[in-house]
Amino acid sequence: MPGDGYTKSNKVVDIKALVLDVDGVLTDSMIYITDEGVELKAFNARDGHGIRMLMRAGIVVAMITGRMSGALKHRAKELGIEHVIEGSLDKGKSIKEVADRLGIGLKEIAYMGDDVVDLPAMSVCGFSIAPSDAMDEVKARADIITRLPGGKGAVREAIDIILKSKGLYHKVMARYGV
């Protein structure tokens, strides 16, 4: 948001969708695998609530990840996220697929990623976001660097910035008496 000390752009006003990487953005990058080979991920509840708030404000949320994960499928379903691309080897191509599915332009998409595999998507979208613990190359390309790290509320922070920049924050918060 302009004037907050860590925003490089006000392009967020035109955003119609937020596309999220998973590991390192919605999680803290840790992948837990049990002795039986079951993968576990931990998701931040505040990030999840923020995603629901953003969707209630009319902004679509999608996910692109390089991995395949039952935990992610469950979390996406739980949050009502319909557009999930797993096993992406080219996130630049995948974000174009999301734009086509949604019928919007790339410049109307915000993308949040943390590692170099996210750079192709960040370079073609209209607005890019990185968590505070992202790789330096990613932070150098981001329009916003959150104060919080991935999996620890960075997504919620980015969502609050988007809602405030678009003038939707108070409308969404009215539901809670704020």
N, C-alpha and C. Protein backbone atom coordinates (compact mmCIF):
# COMPACT_ATOMS: atom_id res chain seq x y z
N MET A 1 0.85 -1.17 0.00
CA MET A 1 0.00 0.00 0.00
C MET A 1 0.90 1.23 0.00
N PRO A 2 0.59 2.24 -0.81
CA PRO A 2 1.43 3.43 -0.87
C PRO A 2 1.70 4.02 0.51
N GLY A 3 2.95 4.37 0.76
CA GLY A 3 3.31 5.01 2.00
C GLY A 3 3.66 4.07 3.14
N ASP A 4 3.58 2.75 2.91
CA ASP A 4 3.85 1.84 4.01
C ASP A 4 5.32 1.47 4.14
N GLY A 5 6.15 1.96 3.22
CA GLY A 5 7.58 1.74 3.33
C GLY A 5 8.10 0.51 2.64
N TYR A 6 7.23 -0.38 2.16
CA TYR A 6 7.76 -1.55 1.48
C TYR A 6 7.02 -1.88 0.19
N THR A 7 6.23 -0.96 -0.32
CA THR A 7 5.56 -1.15 -1.59
C THR A 7 6.30 -0.41 -2.68
N LYS A 8 6.55 -1.07 -3.81
CA LYS A 8 7.23 -0.43 -4.93
C LYS A 8 6.25 0.02 -6.00
N SER A 9 4.97 -0.28 -5.87
CA SER A 9 4.03 -0.04 -6.95
C SER A 9 2.61 0.09 -6.43
N ASN A 10 1.76 0.76 -7.20
CA ASN A 10 0.34 0.80 -6.86
C ASN A 10 -0.48 0.06 -7.90
N LYS A 11 0.13 -0.83 -8.67
CA LYS A 11 -0.56 -1.62 -9.70
C LYS A 11 -1.61 -2.55 -9.11
N VAL A 12 -1.62 -2.71 -7.83
CA VAL A 12 -2.53 -3.64 -7.17
C VAL A 12 -3.99 -3.26 -7.38
N VAL A 13 -4.27 -2.02 -7.68
CA VAL A 13 -5.65 -1.56 -7.85
C VAL A 13 -6.37 -2.33 -8.95
N ASP A 14 -5.68 -2.75 -9.99
CA ASP A 14 -6.30 -3.44 -11.13
C ASP A 14 -6.40 -4.95 -10.95
N ILE A 15 -5.98 -5.47 -9.83
CA ILE A 15 -5.92 -6.92 -9.62
C ILE A 15 -7.32 -7.53 -9.49
N LYS A 16 -7.54 -8.61 -10.25
CA LYS A 16 -8.80 -9.37 -10.17
C LYS A 16 -8.58 -10.78 -9.63
N ALA A 17 -7.31 -11.20 -9.55
CA ALA A 17 -7.01 -12.54 -9.05
C ALA A 17 -5.67 -12.54 -8.33
N LEU A 18 -5.58 -13.36 -7.31
CA LEU A 18 -4.32 -13.60 -6.60
C LEU A 18 -3.96 -15.06 -6.81
N VAL A 19 -2.79 -15.31 -7.38
CA VAL A 19 -2.30 -16.66 -7.59
C VAL A 19 -1.14 -16.90 -6.63
N LEU A 20 -1.21 -18.00 -5.92
CA LEU A 20 -0.24 -18.30 -4.88
C LEU A 20 0.58 -19.54 -5.19
N ASP A 21 1.88 -19.45 -4.98
CA ASP A 21 2.72 -20.63 -4.88
C ASP A 21 2.35 -21.29 -3.55
N VAL A 22 2.75 -22.50 -3.34
CA VAL A 22 2.37 -23.20 -2.11
C VAL A 22 3.54 -23.30 -1.14
N ASP A 23 4.53 -24.14 -1.44
CA ASP A 23 5.64 -24.35 -0.52
C ASP A 23 6.50 -23.08 -0.43
N GLY A 24 6.59 -22.53 0.76
CA GLY A 24 7.34 -21.30 0.98
C GLY A 24 6.48 -20.06 0.98
N VAL A 25 5.22 -20.20 0.58
CA VAL A 25 4.28 -19.08 0.59
C VAL A 25 3.13 -19.42 1.53
N LEU A 26 2.38 -20.45 1.19
CA LEU A 26 1.30 -20.91 2.08
C LEU A 26 1.84 -21.79 3.21
N THR A 27 3.05 -22.30 3.03
CA THR A 27 3.71 -23.08 4.08
C THR A 27 5.07 -22.44 4.36
N ASP A 28 5.74 -22.96 5.37
CA ASP A 28 7.06 -22.42 5.73
C ASP A 28 8.20 -23.10 4.97
N SER A 29 7.90 -23.77 3.88
CA SER A 29 8.85 -24.48 3.02
C SER A 29 9.20 -25.88 3.54
N MET A 30 8.79 -26.21 4.73
CA MET A 30 9.10 -27.53 5.26
C MET A 30 8.13 -28.55 4.68
N ILE A 31 8.67 -29.70 4.32
CA ILE A 31 7.85 -30.81 3.84
C ILE A 31 8.12 -31.98 4.78
N TYR A 32 7.07 -32.41 5.46
CA TYR A 32 7.19 -33.50 6.42
C TYR A 32 6.70 -34.77 5.75
N ILE A 33 7.48 -35.83 5.84
CA ILE A 33 7.11 -37.11 5.26
C ILE A 33 7.22 -38.17 6.35
N THR A 34 6.14 -38.87 6.58
CA THR A 34 6.12 -39.91 7.60
C THR A 34 6.88 -41.14 7.11
N ASP A 35 7.12 -42.07 8.02
CA ASP A 35 7.78 -43.33 7.66
C ASP A 35 7.01 -44.09 6.59
N GLU A 36 5.71 -43.86 6.54
CA GLU A 36 4.86 -44.52 5.55
C GLU A 36 4.85 -43.78 4.21
N GLY A 37 5.55 -42.66 4.13
CA GLY A 37 5.60 -41.90 2.89
C GLY A 37 4.48 -40.89 2.73
N VAL A 38 3.72 -40.64 3.80
CA VAL A 38 2.64 -39.67 3.74
C VAL A 38 3.23 -38.27 3.94
N GLU A 39 2.90 -37.37 3.02
CA GLU A 39 3.39 -35.99 3.10
C GLU A 39 2.45 -35.16 3.94
N LEU A 40 3.02 -34.36 4.82
CA LEU A 40 2.25 -33.46 5.68
C LEU A 40 2.69 -32.02 5.42
N LYS A 41 1.73 -31.12 5.44
CA LYS A 41 2.02 -29.69 5.31
C LYS A 41 1.26 -28.96 6.39
N ALA A 42 1.82 -27.86 6.87
CA ALA A 42 1.14 -27.02 7.84
C ALA A 42 0.76 -25.71 7.16
N PHE A 43 -0.52 -25.36 7.25
CA PHE A 43 -1.03 -24.12 6.66
C PHE A 43 -1.43 -23.16 7.78
N ASN A 44 -1.24 -21.88 7.54
CA ASN A 44 -1.55 -20.85 8.52
C ASN A 44 -3.05 -20.52 8.47
N ALA A 45 -3.72 -20.61 9.61
CA ALA A 45 -5.17 -20.35 9.67
C ALA A 45 -5.50 -18.90 9.29
N ARG A 46 -4.65 -17.96 9.65
CA ARG A 46 -4.91 -16.55 9.29
C ARG A 46 -4.82 -16.34 7.78
N ASP A 47 -3.86 -17.02 7.15
CA ASP A 47 -3.78 -16.96 5.69
C ASP A 47 -5.08 -17.48 5.09
N GLY A 48 -5.57 -18.60 5.62
CA GLY A 48 -6.81 -19.18 5.11
C GLY A 48 -7.99 -18.26 5.27
N HIS A 49 -8.10 -17.62 6.42
CA HIS A 49 -9.21 -16.69 6.62
C HIS A 49 -9.08 -15.49 5.67
N GLY A 50 -7.86 -15.02 5.48
CA GLY A 50 -7.64 -13.92 4.53
C GLY A 50 -8.05 -14.30 3.12
N ILE A 51 -7.76 -15.54 2.72
CA ILE A 51 -8.17 -16.00 1.39
C ILE A 51 -9.68 -15.94 1.26
N ARG A 52 -10.38 -16.38 2.27
CA ARG A 52 -11.85 -16.30 2.23
C ARG A 52 -12.34 -14.86 2.17
N MET A 53 -11.69 -13.98 2.90
CA MET A 53 -12.06 -12.56 2.86
C MET A 53 -11.86 -12.00 1.46
N LEU A 54 -10.73 -12.32 0.85
CA LEU A 54 -10.42 -11.83 -0.49
C LEU A 54 -11.45 -12.33 -1.50
N MET A 55 -11.81 -13.60 -1.39
CA MET A 55 -12.80 -14.15 -2.31
C MET A 55 -14.17 -13.52 -2.09
N ARG A 56 -14.54 -13.23 -0.83
CA ARG A 56 -15.81 -12.54 -0.57
C ARG A 56 -15.81 -11.14 -1.18
N ALA A 57 -14.64 -10.56 -1.33
CA ALA A 57 -14.52 -9.22 -1.93
C ALA A 57 -14.57 -9.29 -3.46
N GLY A 58 -14.68 -10.50 -4.01
CA GLY A 58 -14.80 -10.66 -5.45
C GLY A 58 -13.50 -10.90 -6.19
N ILE A 59 -12.42 -11.17 -5.46
CA ILE A 59 -11.13 -11.44 -6.09
C ILE A 59 -10.89 -12.95 -6.05
N VAL A 60 -10.59 -13.52 -7.20
CA VAL A 60 -10.38 -14.95 -7.33
C VAL A 60 -9.02 -15.32 -6.75
N VAL A 61 -8.95 -16.47 -6.10
CA VAL A 61 -7.68 -16.99 -5.60
C VAL A 61 -7.41 -18.33 -6.29
N ALA A 62 -6.17 -18.49 -6.76
CA ALA A 62 -5.74 -19.73 -7.42
C ALA A 62 -4.39 -20.12 -6.85
N MET A 63 -3.98 -21.36 -7.12
CA MET A 63 -2.69 -21.86 -6.64
C MET A 63 -1.96 -22.54 -7.78
N ILE A 64 -0.64 -22.35 -7.81
CA ILE A 64 0.23 -23.06 -8.74
C ILE A 64 1.39 -23.63 -7.92
N THR A 65 1.64 -24.92 -8.07
CA THR A 65 2.73 -25.55 -7.35
C THR A 65 3.44 -26.56 -8.23
N GLY A 66 4.69 -26.75 -7.97
CA GLY A 66 5.47 -27.72 -8.71
C GLY A 66 5.29 -29.14 -8.20
N ARG A 67 4.71 -29.27 -7.03
CA ARG A 67 4.55 -30.58 -6.40
C ARG A 67 3.11 -31.06 -6.53
N MET A 68 2.92 -32.34 -6.26
CA MET A 68 1.59 -32.95 -6.16
C MET A 68 1.37 -33.23 -4.68
N SER A 69 0.20 -32.86 -4.16
CA SER A 69 0.00 -33.00 -2.73
C SER A 69 -1.47 -33.20 -2.38
N GLY A 70 -1.75 -34.30 -1.71
CA GLY A 70 -3.10 -34.52 -1.21
C GLY A 70 -3.49 -33.49 -0.17
N ALA A 71 -2.52 -33.07 0.65
CA ALA A 71 -2.79 -32.07 1.67
C ALA A 71 -3.22 -30.75 1.03
N LEU A 72 -2.56 -30.38 -0.06
CA LEU A 72 -2.93 -29.15 -0.77
C LEU A 72 -4.33 -29.26 -1.36
N LYS A 73 -4.64 -30.38 -1.97
CA LYS A 73 -5.97 -30.56 -2.55
C LYS A 73 -7.04 -30.40 -1.47
N HIS A 74 -6.79 -30.99 -0.32
CA HIS A 74 -7.74 -30.89 0.79
C HIS A 74 -7.89 -29.43 1.25
N ARG A 75 -6.77 -28.74 1.41
CA ARG A 75 -6.81 -27.34 1.87
C ARG A 75 -7.51 -26.45 0.84
N ALA A 76 -7.22 -26.64 -0.44
CA ALA A 76 -7.86 -25.85 -1.48
C ALA A 76 -9.38 -26.06 -1.46
N LYS A 77 -9.79 -27.30 -1.34
CA LYS A 77 -11.23 -27.61 -1.29
C LYS A 77 -11.87 -26.97 -0.06
N GLU A 78 -11.20 -27.07 1.07
CA GLU A 78 -11.69 -26.50 2.32
C GLU A 78 -11.91 -24.99 2.20
N LEU A 79 -11.02 -24.31 1.45
CA LEU A 79 -11.12 -22.86 1.29
C LEU A 79 -11.99 -22.44 0.11
N GLY A 80 -12.41 -23.38 -0.71
CA GLY A 80 -13.23 -23.06 -1.87
C GLY A 80 -12.43 -22.56 -3.06
N ILE A 81 -11.16 -22.92 -3.12
CA ILE A 81 -10.31 -22.51 -4.24
C ILE A 81 -10.48 -23.54 -5.36
N GLU A 82 -11.01 -23.08 -6.48
CA GLU A 82 -11.33 -23.97 -7.59
C GLU A 82 -10.19 -24.15 -8.58
N HIS A 83 -9.31 -23.19 -8.67
CA HIS A 83 -8.25 -23.22 -9.68
C HIS A 83 -6.91 -23.55 -9.03
N VAL A 84 -6.50 -24.82 -9.16
CA VAL A 84 -5.24 -25.31 -8.60
C VAL A 84 -4.49 -26.06 -9.70
N ILE A 85 -3.27 -25.64 -9.95
CA ILE A 85 -2.42 -26.35 -10.90
C ILE A 85 -1.28 -26.96 -10.11
N GLU A 86 -1.21 -28.30 -10.13
CA GLU A 86 -0.14 -29.03 -9.45
C GLU A 86 0.83 -29.58 -10.49
N GLY A 87 2.05 -29.86 -10.06
CA GLY A 87 3.04 -30.45 -10.93
C GLY A 87 3.53 -29.52 -12.03
N SER A 88 3.44 -28.22 -11.79
CA SER A 88 3.84 -27.24 -12.81
C SER A 88 5.36 -27.21 -12.95
N LEU A 89 5.83 -27.43 -14.16
CA LEU A 89 7.26 -27.32 -14.45
C LEU A 89 7.62 -25.96 -15.02
N ASP A 90 6.60 -25.18 -15.40
CA ASP A 90 6.79 -23.85 -15.97
C ASP A 90 5.68 -22.94 -15.44
N LYS A 91 5.98 -22.21 -14.38
CA LYS A 91 4.95 -21.40 -13.75
C LYS A 91 4.55 -20.19 -14.60
N GLY A 92 5.42 -19.76 -15.52
CA GLY A 92 5.05 -18.72 -16.47
C GLY A 92 3.93 -19.20 -17.38
N LYS A 93 4.06 -20.42 -17.87
CA LYS A 93 3.02 -21.03 -18.71
C LYS A 93 1.76 -21.29 -17.89
N SER A 94 1.93 -21.75 -16.66
CA SER A 94 0.79 -22.07 -15.80
C SER A 94 -0.02 -20.84 -15.45
N ILE A 95 0.64 -19.70 -15.22
CA ILE A 95 -0.12 -18.51 -14.88
C ILE A 95 -0.91 -18.01 -16.10
N LYS A 96 -0.39 -18.24 -17.28
CA LYS A 96 -1.14 -17.91 -18.50
C LYS A 96 -2.38 -18.80 -18.61
N GLU A 97 -2.23 -20.05 -18.23
CA GLU A 97 -3.37 -20.98 -18.22
C GLU A 97 -4.44 -20.50 -17.24
N VAL A 98 -4.02 -20.03 -16.07
CA VAL A 98 -4.97 -19.50 -15.08
C VAL A 98 -5.68 -18.28 -15.66
N ALA A 99 -4.95 -17.37 -16.27
CA ALA A 99 -5.56 -16.18 -16.86
C ALA A 99 -6.60 -16.57 -17.91
N ASP A 100 -6.26 -17.55 -18.75
CA ASP A 100 -7.20 -18.01 -19.77
C ASP A 100 -8.44 -18.63 -19.14
N ARG A 101 -8.26 -19.46 -18.11
CA ARG A 101 -9.39 -20.08 -17.42
C ARG A 101 -10.32 -19.02 -16.84
N LEU A 102 -9.73 -17.95 -16.29
CA LEU A 102 -10.52 -16.91 -15.64
C LEU A 102 -11.04 -15.86 -16.61
N GLY A 103 -10.51 -15.84 -17.82
CA GLY A 103 -10.92 -14.85 -18.80
C GLY A 103 -10.45 -13.44 -18.45
N ILE A 104 -9.26 -13.35 -17.85
CA ILE A 104 -8.70 -12.04 -17.49
C ILE A 104 -7.29 -11.92 -18.06
N GLY A 105 -6.78 -10.71 -18.09
CA GLY A 105 -5.43 -10.48 -18.58
C GLY A 105 -4.40 -10.76 -17.51
N LEU A 106 -3.18 -11.04 -17.95
CA LEU A 106 -2.08 -11.30 -17.01
C LEU A 106 -1.83 -10.10 -16.10
N LYS A 107 -2.04 -8.91 -16.60
CA LYS A 107 -1.79 -7.71 -15.80
C LYS A 107 -2.83 -7.53 -14.69
N GLU A 108 -3.89 -8.35 -14.73
CA GLU A 108 -4.92 -8.31 -13.69
C GLU A 108 -4.70 -9.39 -12.62
N ILE A 109 -3.53 -10.02 -12.68
CA ILE A 109 -3.19 -11.08 -11.73
C ILE A 109 -2.03 -10.64 -10.85
N ALA A 110 -2.19 -10.86 -9.55
CA ALA A 110 -1.08 -10.74 -8.60
C ALA A 110 -0.57 -12.15 -8.35
N TYR A 111 0.75 -12.30 -8.28
CA TYR A 111 1.35 -13.61 -8.03
C TYR A 111 2.27 -13.49 -6.83
N MET A 112 2.19 -14.48 -5.94
CA MET A 112 3.06 -14.51 -4.77
C MET A 112 3.90 -15.77 -4.80
N GLY A 113 5.23 -15.58 -4.83
CA GLY A 113 6.15 -16.70 -4.86
C GLY A 113 7.39 -16.41 -4.04
N ASP A 114 8.18 -17.46 -3.79
CA ASP A 114 9.34 -17.31 -2.90
C ASP A 114 10.66 -17.80 -3.48
N ASP A 115 10.62 -18.54 -4.60
CA ASP A 115 11.86 -19.14 -5.09
C ASP A 115 12.01 -18.86 -6.58
N VAL A 116 13.17 -19.17 -7.12
CA VAL A 116 13.48 -18.81 -8.51
C VAL A 116 12.52 -19.47 -9.51
N VAL A 117 11.93 -20.60 -9.17
CA VAL A 117 10.95 -21.21 -10.08
C VAL A 117 9.71 -20.33 -10.25
N ASP A 118 9.52 -19.36 -9.36
CA ASP A 118 8.37 -18.46 -9.43
C ASP A 118 8.63 -17.24 -10.31
N LEU A 119 9.88 -16.99 -10.65
CA LEU A 119 10.22 -15.80 -11.43
C LEU A 119 9.50 -15.71 -12.78
N PRO A 120 9.35 -16.80 -13.54
CA PRO A 120 8.62 -16.66 -14.81
C PRO A 120 7.18 -16.16 -14.62
N ALA A 121 6.50 -16.61 -13.60
CA ALA A 121 5.14 -16.13 -13.32
C ALA A 121 5.17 -14.68 -12.85
N MET A 122 6.12 -14.36 -11.99
CA MET A 122 6.21 -12.99 -11.48
C MET A 122 6.50 -12.00 -12.60
N SER A 123 7.25 -12.43 -13.61
CA SER A 123 7.65 -11.50 -14.67
C SER A 123 6.53 -11.19 -15.66
N VAL A 124 5.50 -12.02 -15.72
CA VAL A 124 4.42 -11.76 -16.68
C VAL A 124 3.14 -11.25 -16.03
N CYS A 125 3.02 -11.37 -14.71
CA CYS A 125 1.80 -10.92 -14.06
C CYS A 125 1.85 -9.42 -13.81
N GLY A 126 0.71 -8.88 -13.42
CA GLY A 126 0.62 -7.44 -13.21
C GLY A 126 1.20 -6.95 -11.90
N PHE A 127 1.29 -7.84 -10.93
CA PHE A 127 1.73 -7.43 -9.60
C PHE A 127 2.36 -8.63 -8.92
N SER A 128 3.53 -8.46 -8.33
CA SER A 128 4.23 -9.60 -7.72
C SER A 128 4.54 -9.33 -6.25
N ILE A 129 4.46 -10.42 -5.48
CA ILE A 129 4.63 -10.34 -4.04
C ILE A 129 5.58 -11.45 -3.61
N ALA A 130 6.43 -11.15 -2.63
CA ALA A 130 7.34 -12.14 -2.07
C ALA A 130 7.26 -12.09 -0.55
N PRO A 131 7.28 -13.23 0.12
CA PRO A 131 7.38 -13.23 1.58
C PRO A 131 8.78 -12.78 1.99
N SER A 132 8.91 -12.35 3.21
CA SER A 132 10.18 -11.79 3.69
C SER A 132 11.34 -12.76 3.61
N ASP A 133 11.06 -14.06 3.67
CA ASP A 133 12.13 -15.05 3.62
C ASP A 133 12.33 -15.65 2.23
N ALA A 134 11.83 -14.98 1.21
CA ALA A 134 12.02 -15.44 -0.17
C ALA A 134 13.48 -15.31 -0.56
N MET A 135 13.84 -15.99 -1.63
CA MET A 135 15.19 -15.88 -2.18
C MET A 135 15.44 -14.44 -2.62
N ASP A 136 16.68 -13.99 -2.52
CA ASP A 136 17.02 -12.60 -2.85
C ASP A 136 16.62 -12.23 -4.27
N GLU A 137 16.80 -13.15 -5.22
CA GLU A 137 16.44 -12.88 -6.62
C GLU A 137 14.94 -12.61 -6.76
N VAL A 138 14.15 -13.27 -5.97
CA VAL A 138 12.70 -13.11 -6.00
C VAL A 138 12.31 -11.77 -5.36
N LYS A 139 12.90 -11.47 -4.22
CA LYS A 139 12.59 -10.20 -3.56
C LYS A 139 12.98 -9.01 -4.44
N ALA A 140 14.05 -9.16 -5.21
CA ALA A 140 14.49 -8.07 -6.10
C ALA A 140 13.46 -7.77 -7.19
N ARG A 141 12.66 -8.76 -7.56
CA ARG A 141 11.65 -8.60 -8.62
C ARG A 141 10.26 -8.27 -8.10
N ALA A 142 10.06 -8.37 -6.80
CA ALA A 142 8.73 -8.22 -6.22
C ALA A 142 8.31 -6.76 -6.10
N ASP A 143 7.02 -6.51 -6.34
CA ASP A 143 6.45 -5.19 -6.10
C ASP A 143 6.26 -4.96 -4.61
N ILE A 144 5.97 -6.03 -3.88
CA ILE A 144 5.80 -5.98 -2.43
C ILE A 144 6.59 -7.12 -1.81
N ILE A 145 7.28 -6.81 -0.73
CA ILE A 145 7.91 -7.83 0.11
C ILE A 145 7.21 -7.75 1.45
N THR A 146 6.55 -8.83 1.85
CA THR A 146 5.84 -8.79 3.12
C THR A 146 6.83 -8.75 4.29
N ARG A 147 6.37 -8.31 5.41
CA ARG A 147 7.20 -8.30 6.61
C ARG A 147 7.28 -9.69 7.21
N LEU A 148 6.24 -10.50 6.96
CA LEU A 148 6.17 -11.84 7.53
C LEU A 148 6.70 -12.88 6.56
N PRO A 149 7.23 -13.99 7.07
CA PRO A 149 7.73 -15.07 6.20
C PRO A 149 6.60 -15.98 5.71
N GLY A 150 6.93 -16.79 4.71
CA GLY A 150 5.98 -17.75 4.18
C GLY A 150 5.50 -18.73 5.24
N GLY A 151 4.20 -19.04 5.20
CA GLY A 151 3.61 -19.96 6.16
C GLY A 151 3.37 -19.37 7.53
N LYS A 152 3.75 -18.12 7.72
CA LYS A 152 3.63 -17.46 9.02
C LYS A 152 2.81 -16.17 8.93
N GLY A 153 1.88 -16.12 7.96
CA GLY A 153 1.00 -14.95 7.83
C GLY A 153 1.34 -14.03 6.68
N ALA A 154 2.31 -14.39 5.84
CA ALA A 154 2.68 -13.53 4.71
C ALA A 154 1.53 -13.37 3.72
N VAL A 155 0.78 -14.44 3.49
CA VAL A 155 -0.34 -14.36 2.55
C VAL A 155 -1.41 -13.43 3.09
N ARG A 156 -1.73 -13.54 4.36
CA ARG A 156 -2.73 -12.66 4.97
C ARG A 156 -2.28 -11.21 4.89
N GLU A 157 -1.00 -10.96 5.14
CA GLU A 157 -0.46 -9.60 5.03
C GLU A 157 -0.64 -9.07 3.61
N ALA A 158 -0.32 -9.88 2.62
CA ALA A 158 -0.47 -9.46 1.22
C ALA A 158 -1.94 -9.21 0.89
N ILE A 159 -2.82 -10.06 1.39
CA ILE A 159 -4.26 -9.89 1.14
C ILE A 159 -4.76 -8.59 1.76
N ASP A 160 -4.35 -8.29 2.98
CA ASP A 160 -4.76 -7.03 3.61
C ASP A 160 -4.28 -5.84 2.78
N ILE A 161 -3.08 -5.90 2.25
CA ILE A 161 -2.55 -4.83 1.41
C ILE A 161 -3.41 -4.69 0.15
N ILE A 162 -3.75 -5.81 -0.47
CA ILE A 162 -4.58 -5.76 -1.69
C ILE A 162 -5.94 -5.16 -1.37
N LEU A 163 -6.58 -5.65 -0.32
CA LEU A 163 -7.91 -5.13 0.05
C LEU A 163 -7.87 -3.64 0.37
N LYS A 164 -6.87 -3.20 1.10
CA LYS A 164 -6.77 -1.77 1.44
C LYS A 164 -6.48 -0.94 0.20
N SER A 165 -5.60 -1.41 -0.67
CA SER A 165 -5.24 -0.66 -1.88
C SER A 165 -6.42 -0.53 -2.83
N LYS A 166 -7.29 -1.52 -2.85
CA LYS A 166 -8.46 -1.50 -3.72
C LYS A 166 -9.66 -0.83 -3.06
N GLY A 167 -9.50 -0.35 -1.82
CA GLY A 167 -10.59 0.30 -1.11
C GLY A 167 -11.67 -0.68 -0.65
N LEU A 168 -11.32 -1.95 -0.47
CA LEU A 168 -12.30 -2.98 -0.09
C LEU A 168 -12.16 -3.44 1.36
N TYR A 169 -11.12 -3.03 2.03
CA TYR A 169 -10.83 -3.54 3.37
C TYR A 169 -11.96 -3.27 4.36
N HIS A 170 -12.44 -2.03 4.42
CA HIS A 170 -13.48 -1.69 5.40
C HIS A 170 -14.79 -2.40 5.08
N LYS A 171 -15.08 -2.59 3.80
CA LYS A 171 -16.29 -3.31 3.41
C LYS A 171 -16.22 -4.76 3.91
N VAL A 172 -15.07 -5.40 3.72
CA VAL A 172 -14.90 -6.78 4.16
C VAL A 172 -14.92 -6.86 5.69
N MET A 173 -14.30 -5.91 6.34
CA MET A 173 -14.20 -5.93 7.80
C MET A 173 -15.51 -5.58 8.49
N ALA A 174 -16.43 -4.95 7.79
CA ALA A 174 -17.73 -4.59 8.39
C ALA A 174 -18.45 -5.83 8.90
N ARG A 175 -18.21 -6.96 8.27
CA ARG A 175 -18.81 -8.23 8.68
C ARG A 175 -18.45 -8.58 10.13
N TYR A 176 -17.30 -8.09 10.58
CA TYR A 176 -16.79 -8.40 11.91
C TYR A 176 -17.01 -7.25 12.90
N GLY A 177 -17.75 -6.24 12.47
CA GLY A 177 -18.02 -5.10 13.35
C GLY A 177 -16.85 -4.15 13.48
N VAL A 178 -15.92 -4.21 12.53
CA VAL A 178 -14.74 -3.34 12.55
C VAL A 178 -14.93 -2.19 11.59
